[in-house]
Amino acid sequence: MRWRFGDAVVEVEREAGRLRLRTRTGAVLTADAVLSAVGLRPRTALAANAGLAVQRGIVVDAFGASSDPDVFALGDCAHYEAGVMPT
């Protein structure tokens, strides 16, 4: 296993049953499997300006209700008690 922080894969091809990857920095790698992790940061400024409670997303209860009873949030922009839940 090799970690490659701060780089990005720009091309993936299958080659002889393996994966051939080319990164933004020009590195060429081969692998049997690839794990890609991205930083999830919902944009909360509009919700905050509208008076909604925000943390790392729009704060919601288990049903997706925000601090305004007429506004619901779900997916990547919702912040549940357990935190942001990427979809």
PDB file of N, CA and C in Angstrom:
ATOM      1  N   MET A   1       0.837  -1.156   0.000  1.00  0.00           N
ATOM      2  CA  MET A   1       0.000   0.000   0.000  1.00  0.00           C
ATOM      3  C   MET A   1       0.892   1.232   0.000  1.00  0.00           C
ATOM      4  N   ARG A   2       0.458   2.227  -0.771  1.00  0.00           N
ATOM      5  CA  ARG A   2       1.185   3.491  -0.829  1.00  0.00           C
ATOM      6  C   ARG A   2       0.177   4.629  -0.803  1.00  0.00           C
ATOM      7  N   TRP A   3       0.344   5.551   0.135  1.00  0.00           N
ATOM      8  CA  TRP A   3      -0.524   6.722   0.230  1.00  0.00           C
ATOM      9  C   TRP A   3       0.013   7.812  -0.682  1.00  0.00           C
ATOM     10  N   ARG A   4      -0.882   8.544  -1.353  1.00  0.00           N
ATOM     11  CA  ARG A   4      -0.482   9.623  -2.249  1.00  0.00           C
ATOM     12  C   ARG A   4      -1.328  10.857  -1.939  1.00  0.00           C
ATOM     13  N   PHE A   5      -1.040  11.500  -0.821  1.00  0.00           N
ATOM     14  CA  PHE A   5      -1.782  12.688  -0.426  1.00  0.00           C
ATOM     15  C   PHE A   5      -1.393  13.872  -1.302  1.00  0.00           C
ATOM     16  N   GLY A   6      -2.361  14.730  -1.574  1.00  0.00           N
ATOM     17  CA  GLY A   6      -2.086  15.963  -2.301  1.00  0.00           C
ATOM     18  C   GLY A   6      -1.953  15.792  -3.799  1.00  0.00           C
ATOM     19  N   ASP A   7      -2.195  14.613  -4.317  1.00  0.00           N
ATOM     20  CA  ASP A   7      -2.143  14.371  -5.755  1.00  0.00           C
ATOM     21  C   ASP A   7      -3.539  13.936  -6.177  1.00  0.00           C
ATOM     22  N   ALA A   8      -3.787  13.848  -7.469  1.00  0.00           N
ATOM     23  CA  ALA A   8      -5.099  13.427  -7.953  1.00  0.00           C
ATOM     24  C   ALA A   8      -4.936  12.551  -9.178  1.00  0.00           C
ATOM     25  N   VAL A   9      -5.736  11.523  -9.267  1.00  0.00           N
ATOM     26  CA  VAL A   9      -5.734  10.653 -10.445  1.00  0.00           C
ATOM     27  C   VAL A   9      -6.503  11.360 -11.546  1.00  0.00           C
ATOM     28  N   VAL A  10      -5.898  11.437 -12.733  1.00  0.00           N
ATOM     29  CA  VAL A  10      -6.549  12.093 -13.865  1.00  0.00           C
ATOM     30  C   VAL A  10      -6.925  11.101 -14.960  1.00  0.00           C
ATOM     31  N   GLU A  11      -6.394   9.873 -14.866  1.00  0.00           N
ATOM     32  CA  GLU A  11      -6.692   8.868 -15.892  1.00  0.00           C
ATOM     33  C   GLU A  11      -6.533   7.481 -15.289  1.00  0.00           C
ATOM     34  N   VAL A  12      -7.485   6.600 -15.616  1.00  0.00           N
ATOM     35  CA  VAL A  12      -7.418   5.201 -15.175  1.00  0.00           C
ATOM     36  C   VAL A  12      -7.684   4.330 -16.385  1.00  0.00           C
ATOM     37  N   GLU A  13      -6.818   3.339 -16.612  1.00  0.00           N
ATOM     38  CA  GLU A  13      -7.006   2.390 -17.711  1.00  0.00           C
ATOM     39  C   GLU A  13      -6.778   0.984 -17.190  1.00  0.00           C
ATOM     40  N   ARG A  14      -7.481   0.026 -17.779  1.00  0.00           N
ATOM     41  CA  ARG A  14      -7.213  -1.375 -17.469  1.00  0.00           C
ATOM     42  C   ARG A  14      -6.089  -1.851 -18.372  1.00  0.00           C
ATOM     43  N   GLU A  15      -5.158  -2.565 -17.773  1.00  0.00           N
ATOM     44  CA  GLU A  15      -4.015  -3.059 -18.532  1.00  0.00           C
ATOM     45  C   GLU A  15      -3.620  -4.420 -17.971  1.00  0.00           C
ATOM     46  N   ALA A  16      -3.819  -5.464 -18.739  1.00  0.00           N
ATOM     47  CA  ALA A  16      -3.446  -6.829 -18.342  1.00  0.00           C
ATOM     48  C   ALA A  16      -4.040  -7.211 -16.979  1.00  0.00           C
ATOM     49  N   GLY A  17      -5.319  -6.897 -16.784  1.00  0.00           N
ATOM     50  CA  GLY A  17      -5.993  -7.279 -15.558  1.00  0.00           C
ATOM     51  C   GLY A  17      -5.688  -6.396 -14.356  1.00  0.00           C
ATOM     52  N   ARG A  18      -4.906  -5.354 -14.531  1.00  0.00           N
ATOM     53  CA  ARG A  18      -4.584  -4.421 -13.443  1.00  0.00           C
ATOM     54  C   ARG A  18      -5.049  -3.028 -13.831  1.00  0.00           C
ATOM     55  N   LEU A  19      -4.902  -2.097 -12.934  1.00  0.00           N
ATOM     56  CA  LEU A  19      -5.254  -0.712 -13.199  1.00  0.00           C
ATOM     57  C   LEU A  19      -3.985   0.101 -13.397  1.00  0.00           C
ATOM     58  N   ARG A  20      -3.989   0.912 -14.438  1.00  0.00           N
ATOM     59  CA  ARG A  20      -2.871   1.821 -14.692  1.00  0.00           C
ATOM     60  C   ARG A  20      -3.397   3.220 -14.468  1.00  0.00           C
ATOM     61  N   LEU A  21      -2.767   3.953 -13.554  1.00  0.00           N
ATOM     62  CA  LEU A  21      -3.229   5.282 -13.179  1.00  0.00           C
ATOM     63  C   LEU A  21      -2.178   6.319 -13.509  1.00  0.00           C
ATOM     64  N   ARG A  22      -2.641   7.457 -14.011  1.00  0.00           N
ATOM     65  CA  ARG A  22      -1.753   8.596 -14.219  1.00  0.00           C
ATOM     66  C   ARG A  22      -2.268   9.710 -13.328  1.00  0.00           C
ATOM     67  N   THR A  23      -1.350  10.344 -12.588  1.00  0.00           N
ATOM     68  CA  THR A  23      -1.749  11.386 -11.649  1.00  0.00           C
ATOM     69  C   THR A  23      -1.500  12.767 -12.219  1.00  0.00           C
ATOM     70  N   ARG A  24      -2.042  13.749 -11.535  1.00  0.00           N
ATOM     71  CA  ARG A  24      -1.876  15.148 -11.950  1.00  0.00           C
ATOM     72  C   ARG A  24      -0.413  15.541 -12.012  1.00  0.00           C
ATOM     73  N   THR A  25       0.423  14.958 -11.140  1.00  0.00           N
ATOM     74  CA  THR A  25       1.846  15.292 -11.130  1.00  0.00           C
ATOM     75  C   THR A  25       2.640  14.507 -12.160  1.00  0.00           C
ATOM     76  N   GLY A  26       1.958  13.636 -12.927  1.00  0.00           N
ATOM     77  CA  GLY A  26       2.629  12.875 -13.977  1.00  0.00           C
ATOM     78  C   GLY A  26       3.078  11.488 -13.579  1.00  0.00           C
ATOM     79  N   ALA A  27       2.894  11.101 -12.328  1.00  0.00           N
ATOM     80  CA  ALA A  27       3.278   9.759 -11.889  1.00  0.00           C
ATOM     81  C   ALA A  27       2.394   8.725 -12.574  1.00  0.00           C
ATOM     82  N   VAL A  28       2.971   7.599 -12.932  1.00  0.00           N
ATOM     83  CA  VAL A  28       2.228   6.477 -13.503  1.00  0.00           C
ATOM     84  C   VAL A  28       2.346   5.315 -12.536  1.00  0.00           C
ATOM     85  N   LEU A  29       1.195   4.788 -12.106  1.00  0.00           N
ATOM     86  CA  LEU A  29       1.147   3.726 -11.106  1.00  0.00           C
ATOM     87  C   LEU A  29       0.332   2.565 -11.631  1.00  0.00           C
ATOM     88  N   THR A  30       0.634   1.371 -11.167  1.00  0.00           N
ATOM     89  CA  THR A  30      -0.211   0.215 -11.446  1.00  0.00           C
ATOM     90  C   THR A  30      -0.702  -0.332 -10.117  1.00  0.00           C
ATOM     91  N   ALA A  31      -1.917  -0.852 -10.132  1.00  0.00           N
ATOM     92  CA  ALA A  31      -2.509  -1.329  -8.889  1.00  0.00           C
ATOM     93  C   ALA A  31      -3.560  -2.387  -9.177  1.00  0.00           C
ATOM     94  N   ASP A  32      -3.834  -3.189  -8.169  1.00  0.00           N
ATOM     95  CA  ASP A  32      -4.929  -4.157  -8.250  1.00  0.00           C
ATOM     96  C   ASP A  32      -6.231  -3.510  -7.791  1.00  0.00           C
ATOM     97  N   ALA A  33      -6.123  -2.551  -6.884  1.00  0.00           N
ATOM     98  CA  ALA A  33      -7.288  -1.843  -6.354  1.00  0.00           C
ATOM     99  C   ALA A  33      -6.877  -0.421  -5.996  1.00  0.00           C
ATOM    100  N   VAL A  34      -7.853   0.469  -5.983  1.00  0.00           N
ATOM    101  CA  VAL A  34      -7.601   1.868  -5.662  1.00  0.00           C
ATOM    102  C   VAL A  34      -8.659   2.335  -4.675  1.00  0.00           C
ATOM    103  N   LEU A  35      -8.233   3.026  -3.639  1.00  0.00           N
ATOM    104  CA  LEU A  35      -9.139   3.665  -2.692  1.00  0.00           C
ATOM    105  C   LEU A  35      -8.966   5.162  -2.855  1.00  0.00           C
ATOM    106  N   SER A  36     -10.040   5.835  -3.160  1.00  0.00           N
ATOM    107  CA  SER A  36      -9.987   7.280  -3.336  1.00  0.00           C
ATOM    108  C   SER A  36     -10.810   7.933  -2.243  1.00  0.00           C
ATOM    109  N   ALA A  37     -10.219   8.862  -1.517  1.00  0.00           N
ATOM    110  CA  ALA A  37     -10.924   9.593  -0.469  1.00  0.00           C
ATOM    111  C   ALA A  37     -10.850  11.071  -0.778  1.00  0.00           C
ATOM    112  N   VAL A  38     -11.995  11.736  -0.702  1.00  0.00           N
ATOM    113  CA  VAL A  38     -12.034  13.163  -0.982  1.00  0.00           C
ATOM    114  C   VAL A  38     -12.541  13.900   0.240  1.00  0.00           C
ATOM    115  N   GLY A  39     -12.121  15.118   0.380  1.00  0.00           N
ATOM    116  CA  GLY A  39     -12.583  15.925   1.501  1.00  0.00           C
ATOM    117  C   GLY A  39     -13.975  16.462   1.227  1.00  0.00           C
ATOM    118  N   LEU A  40     -14.870  16.195   2.119  1.00  0.00           N
ATOM    119  CA  LEU A  40     -16.243  16.645   1.968  1.00  0.00           C
ATOM    120  C   LEU A  40     -16.441  17.897   2.799  1.00  0.00           C
ATOM    121  N   ARG A  41     -16.754  19.005   2.170  1.00  0.00           N
ATOM    122  CA  ARG A  41     -17.006  20.266   2.860  1.00  0.00           C
ATOM    123  C   ARG A  41     -18.203  20.952   2.243  1.00  0.00           C
ATOM    124  N   PRO A  42     -19.368  20.697   2.809  1.00  0.00           N
ATOM    125  CA  PRO A  42     -20.550  21.383   2.274  1.00  0.00           C
ATOM    126  C   PRO A  42     -20.414  22.898   2.410  1.00  0.00           C
ATOM    127  N   ARG A  43     -20.950  23.627   1.469  1.00  0.00           N
ATOM    128  CA  ARG A  43     -20.969  25.090   1.539  1.00  0.00           C
ATOM    129  C   ARG A  43     -22.183  25.495   2.383  1.00  0.00           C
ATOM    130  N   THR A  44     -21.931  26.123   3.492  1.00  0.00           N
ATOM    131  CA  THR A  44     -23.008  26.415   4.440  1.00  0.00           C
ATOM    132  C   THR A  44     -23.345  27.895   4.547  1.00  0.00           C
ATOM    133  N   ALA A  45     -22.670  28.754   3.827  1.00  0.00           N
ATOM    134  CA  ALA A  45     -22.875  30.205   3.965  1.00  0.00           C
ATOM    135  C   ALA A  45     -24.318  30.619   3.692  1.00  0.00           C
ATOM    136  N   LEU A  46     -24.923  30.111   2.637  1.00  0.00           N
ATOM    137  CA  LEU A  46     -26.299  30.490   2.309  1.00  0.00           C
ATOM    138  C   LEU A  46     -27.247  30.085   3.426  1.00  0.00           C
ATOM    139  N   ALA A  47     -27.080  28.852   3.938  1.00  0.00           N
ATOM    140  CA  ALA A  47     -27.933  28.370   5.028  1.00  0.00           C
ATOM    141  C   ALA A  47     -27.734  29.218   6.288  1.00  0.00           C
ATOM    142  N   ALA A  48     -26.487  29.526   6.615  1.00  0.00           N
ATOM    143  CA  ALA A  48     -26.205  30.349   7.796  1.00  0.00           C
ATOM    144  C   ALA A  48     -26.800  31.744   7.634  1.00  0.00           C
ATOM    145  N   ASN A  49     -26.671  32.329   6.446  1.00  0.00           N
ATOM    146  CA  ASN A  49     -27.238  33.659   6.188  1.00  0.00           C
ATOM    147  C   ASN A  49     -28.758  33.654   6.264  1.00  0.00           C
ATOM    148  N   ALA A  50     -29.357  32.486   6.010  1.00  0.00           N
ATOM    149  CA  ALA A  50     -30.817  32.353   6.098  1.00  0.00           C
ATOM    150  C   ALA A  50     -31.263  32.069   7.529  1.00  0.00           C
ATOM    151  N   GLY A  51     -30.304  31.982   8.457  1.00  0.00           N
ATOM    152  CA  GLY A  51     -30.643  31.782   9.854  1.00  0.00           C
ATOM    153  C   GLY A  51     -30.699  30.339  10.309  1.00  0.00           C
ATOM    154  N   LEU A  52     -30.286  29.411   9.450  1.00  0.00           N
ATOM    155  CA  LEU A  52     -30.295  28.004   9.843  1.00  0.00           C
ATOM    156  C   LEU A  52     -29.067  27.680  10.681  1.00  0.00           C
ATOM    157  N   ALA A  53     -29.214  26.751  11.605  1.00  0.00           N
ATOM    158  CA  ALA A  53     -28.072  26.282  12.390  1.00  0.00           C
ATOM    159  C   ALA A  53     -27.179  25.446  11.480  1.00  0.00           C
ATOM    160  N   VAL A  54     -25.879  25.740  11.506  1.00  0.00           N
ATOM    161  CA  VAL A  54     -24.924  24.985  10.689  1.00  0.00           C
ATOM    162  C   VAL A  54     -23.735  24.580  11.542  1.00  0.00           C
ATOM    163  N   GLN A  55     -23.150  23.468  11.161  1.00  0.00           N
ATOM    164  CA  GLN A  55     -21.862  23.040  11.697  1.00  0.00           C
ATOM    165  C   GLN A  55     -21.025  22.703  10.478  1.00  0.00           C
ATOM    166  N   ARG A  56     -20.757  21.409  10.249  1.00  0.00           N
ATOM    167  CA  ARG A  56     -20.081  21.032   9.007  1.00  0.00           C
ATOM    168  C   ARG A  56     -21.085  20.836   7.887  1.00  0.00           C
ATOM    169  N   GLY A  57     -22.309  21.156   8.126  1.00  0.00           N
ATOM    170  CA  GLY A  57     -23.426  21.092   7.194  1.00  0.00           C
ATOM    171  C   GLY A  57     -24.612  21.734   7.886  1.00  0.00           C
ATOM    172  N   ILE A  58     -25.782  21.656   7.260  1.00  0.00           N
ATOM    173  CA  ILE A  58     -26.997  22.173   7.886  1.00  0.00           C
ATOM    174  C   ILE A  58     -27.392  21.194   8.987  1.00  0.00           C
ATOM    175  N   VAL A  59     -27.485  21.684  10.217  1.00  0.00           N
ATOM    176  CA  VAL A  59     -27.805  20.815  11.357  1.00  0.00           C
ATOM    177  C   VAL A  59     -29.242  20.317  11.211  1.00  0.00           C
ATOM    178  N   VAL A  60     -29.400  18.985  11.237  1.00  0.00           N
ATOM    179  CA  VAL A  60     -30.725  18.366  11.099  1.00  0.00           C
ATOM    180  C   VAL A  60     -30.923  17.297  12.160  1.00  0.00           C
ATOM    181  N   ASP A  61     -32.187  16.963  12.377  1.00  0.00           N
ATOM    182  CA  ASP A  61     -32.498  15.854  13.278  1.00  0.00           C
ATOM    183  C   ASP A  61     -32.520  14.554  12.472  1.00  0.00           C
ATOM    184  N   ALA A  62     -32.930  13.481  13.082  1.00  0.00           N
ATOM    185  CA  ALA A  62     -32.930  12.170  12.424  1.00  0.00           C
ATOM    186  C   ALA A  62     -33.850  12.121  11.207  1.00  0.00           C
ATOM    187  N   PHE A  63     -34.793  13.065  11.112  1.00  0.00           N
ATOM    188  CA  PHE A  63     -35.736  13.095   9.996  1.00  0.00           C
ATOM    189  C   PHE A  63     -35.344  14.109   8.927  1.00  0.00           C
ATOM    190  N   GLY A  64     -34.207  14.790   9.114  1.00  0.00           N
ATOM    191  CA  GLY A  64     -33.729  15.760   8.143  1.00  0.00           C
ATOM    192  C   GLY A  64     -34.255  17.159   8.354  1.00  0.00           C
ATOM    193  N   ALA A  65     -34.982  17.394   9.454  1.00  0.00           N
ATOM    194  CA  ALA A  65     -35.527  18.723   9.724  1.00  0.00           C
ATOM    195  C   ALA A  65     -34.430  19.629  10.273  1.00  0.00           C
ATOM    196  N   SER A  66     -34.374  20.837   9.752  1.00  0.00           N
ATOM    197  CA  SER A  66     -33.374  21.817  10.203  1.00  0.00           C
ATOM    198  C   SER A  66     -33.915  22.617  11.384  1.00  0.00           C
ATOM    199  N   SER A  67     -33.217  23.670  11.769  1.00  0.00           N
ATOM    200  CA  SER A  67     -33.672  24.530  12.855  1.00  0.00           C
ATOM    201  C   SER A  67     -34.894  25.358  12.454  1.00  0.00           C
ATOM    202  N   ASP A  68     -35.205  25.408  11.168  1.00  0.00           N
ATOM    203  CA  ASP A  68     -36.442  26.030  10.676  1.00  0.00           C
ATOM    204  C   ASP A  68     -37.397  24.890  10.341  1.00  0.00           C
ATOM    205  N   PRO A  69     -38.563  24.826  10.949  1.00  0.00           N
ATOM    206  CA  PRO A  69     -39.461  23.681  10.742  1.00  0.00           C
ATOM    207  C   PRO A  69     -39.938  23.498   9.300  1.00  0.00           C
ATOM    208  N   ASP A  70     -39.762  24.505   8.453  1.00  0.00           N
ATOM    209  CA  ASP A  70     -40.176  24.395   7.054  1.00  0.00           C
ATOM    210  C   ASP A  70     -39.035  24.022   6.118  1.00  0.00           C
ATOM    211  N   VAL A  71     -37.823  23.809   6.670  1.00  0.00           N
ATOM    212  CA  VAL A  71     -36.651  23.513   5.835  1.00  0.00           C
ATOM    213  C   VAL A  71     -36.055  22.172   6.243  1.00  0.00           C
ATOM    214  N   PHE A  72     -35.847  21.326   5.249  1.00  0.00           N
ATOM    215  CA  PHE A  72     -35.223  20.021   5.455  1.00  0.00           C
ATOM    216  C   PHE A  72     -33.951  19.953   4.618  1.00  0.00           C
ATOM    217  N   ALA A  73     -32.987  19.177   5.067  1.00  0.00           N
ATOM    218  CA  ALA A  73     -31.742  18.981   4.313  1.00  0.00           C
ATOM    219  C   ALA A  73     -31.405  17.500   4.324  1.00  0.00           C
ATOM    220  N   LEU A  74     -30.737  17.070   3.287  1.00  0.00           N
ATOM    221  CA  LEU A  74     -30.310  15.679   3.218  1.00  0.00           C
ATOM    222  C   LEU A  74     -29.054  15.574   2.375  1.00  0.00           C
ATOM    223  N   GLY A  75     -28.465  14.421   2.407  1.00  0.00           N
ATOM    224  CA  GLY A  75     -27.275  14.176   1.595  1.00  0.00           C
ATOM    225  C   GLY A  75     -26.042  14.846   2.153  1.00  0.00           C
ATOM    226  N   ASP A  76     -25.164  15.251   1.259  1.00  0.00           N
ATOM    227  CA  ASP A  76     -23.857  15.784   1.635  1.00  0.00           C
ATOM    228  C   ASP A  76     -23.932  17.090   2.422  1.00  0.00           C
ATOM    229  N   CYS A  77     -25.027  17.834   2.310  1.00  0.00           N
ATOM    230  CA  CYS A  77     -25.092  19.134   3.000  1.00  0.00           C
ATOM    231  C   CYS A  77     -25.693  19.034   4.389  1.00  0.00           C
ATOM    232  N   ALA A  78     -26.181  17.870   4.799  1.00  0.00           N
ATOM    233  CA  ALA A  78     -26.825  17.720   6.107  1.00  0.00           C
ATOM    234  C   ALA A  78     -25.811  17.288   7.162  1.00  0.00           C
ATOM    235  N   HIS A  79     -25.929  17.871   8.339  1.00  0.00           N
ATOM    236  CA  HIS A  79     -25.083  17.500   9.479  1.00  0.00           C
ATOM    237  C   HIS A  79     -25.993  16.875  10.538  1.00  0.00           C
ATOM    238  N   TYR A  80     -25.911  15.547  10.642  1.00  0.00           N
ATOM    239  CA  TYR A  80     -26.702  14.815  11.628  1.00  0.00           C
ATOM    240  C   TYR A  80     -25.939  14.794  12.946  1.00  0.00           C
ATOM    241  N   GLU A  81     -26.560  14.286  13.992  1.00  0.00           N
ATOM    242  CA  GLU A  81     -25.897  14.194  15.287  1.00  0.00           C
ATOM    243  C   GLU A  81     -24.561  13.456  15.176  1.00  0.00           C
ATOM    244  N   ALA A  82     -24.497  12.471  14.294  1.00  0.00           N
ATOM    245  CA  ALA A  82     -23.257  11.702  14.089  1.00  0.00           C
ATOM    246  C   ALA A  82     -22.275  12.415  13.160  1.00  0.00           C
ATOM    247  N   GLY A  83     -22.676  13.549  12.579  1.00  0.00           N
ATOM    248  CA  GLY A  83     -21.812  14.301  11.664  1.00  0.00           C
ATOM    249  C   GLY A  83     -22.358  14.287  10.253  1.00  0.00           C
ATOM    250  N   VAL A  84     -21.517  14.666   9.302  1.00  0.00           N
ATOM    251  CA  VAL A  84     -21.914  14.691   7.894  1.00  0.00           C
ATOM    252  C   VAL A  84     -21.951  13.270   7.382  1.00  0.00           C
ATOM    253  N   MET A  85     -23.008  12.935   6.661  1.00  0.00           N
ATOM    254  CA  MET A  85     -23.179  11.591   6.115  1.00  0.00           C
ATOM    255  C   MET A  85     -23.107  11.638   4.602  1.00  0.00           C
ATOM    256  N   PRO A  86     -21.930  11.407   4.009  1.00  0.00           N
ATOM    257  CA  PRO A  86     -21.829  11.458   2.549  1.00  0.00           C
ATOM    258  C   PRO A  86     -22.701  10.407   1.895  1.00  0.00           C
ATOM    259  N   THR A  87     -23.258  10.754   0.739  1.00  0.00           N
ATOM    260  CA  THR A  87     -24.131   9.818   0.020  1.00  0.00           C
ATOM    261  C   THR A  87     -23.410   9.246  -1.164  1.00  0.00           C
TER     262      THR A  87
END
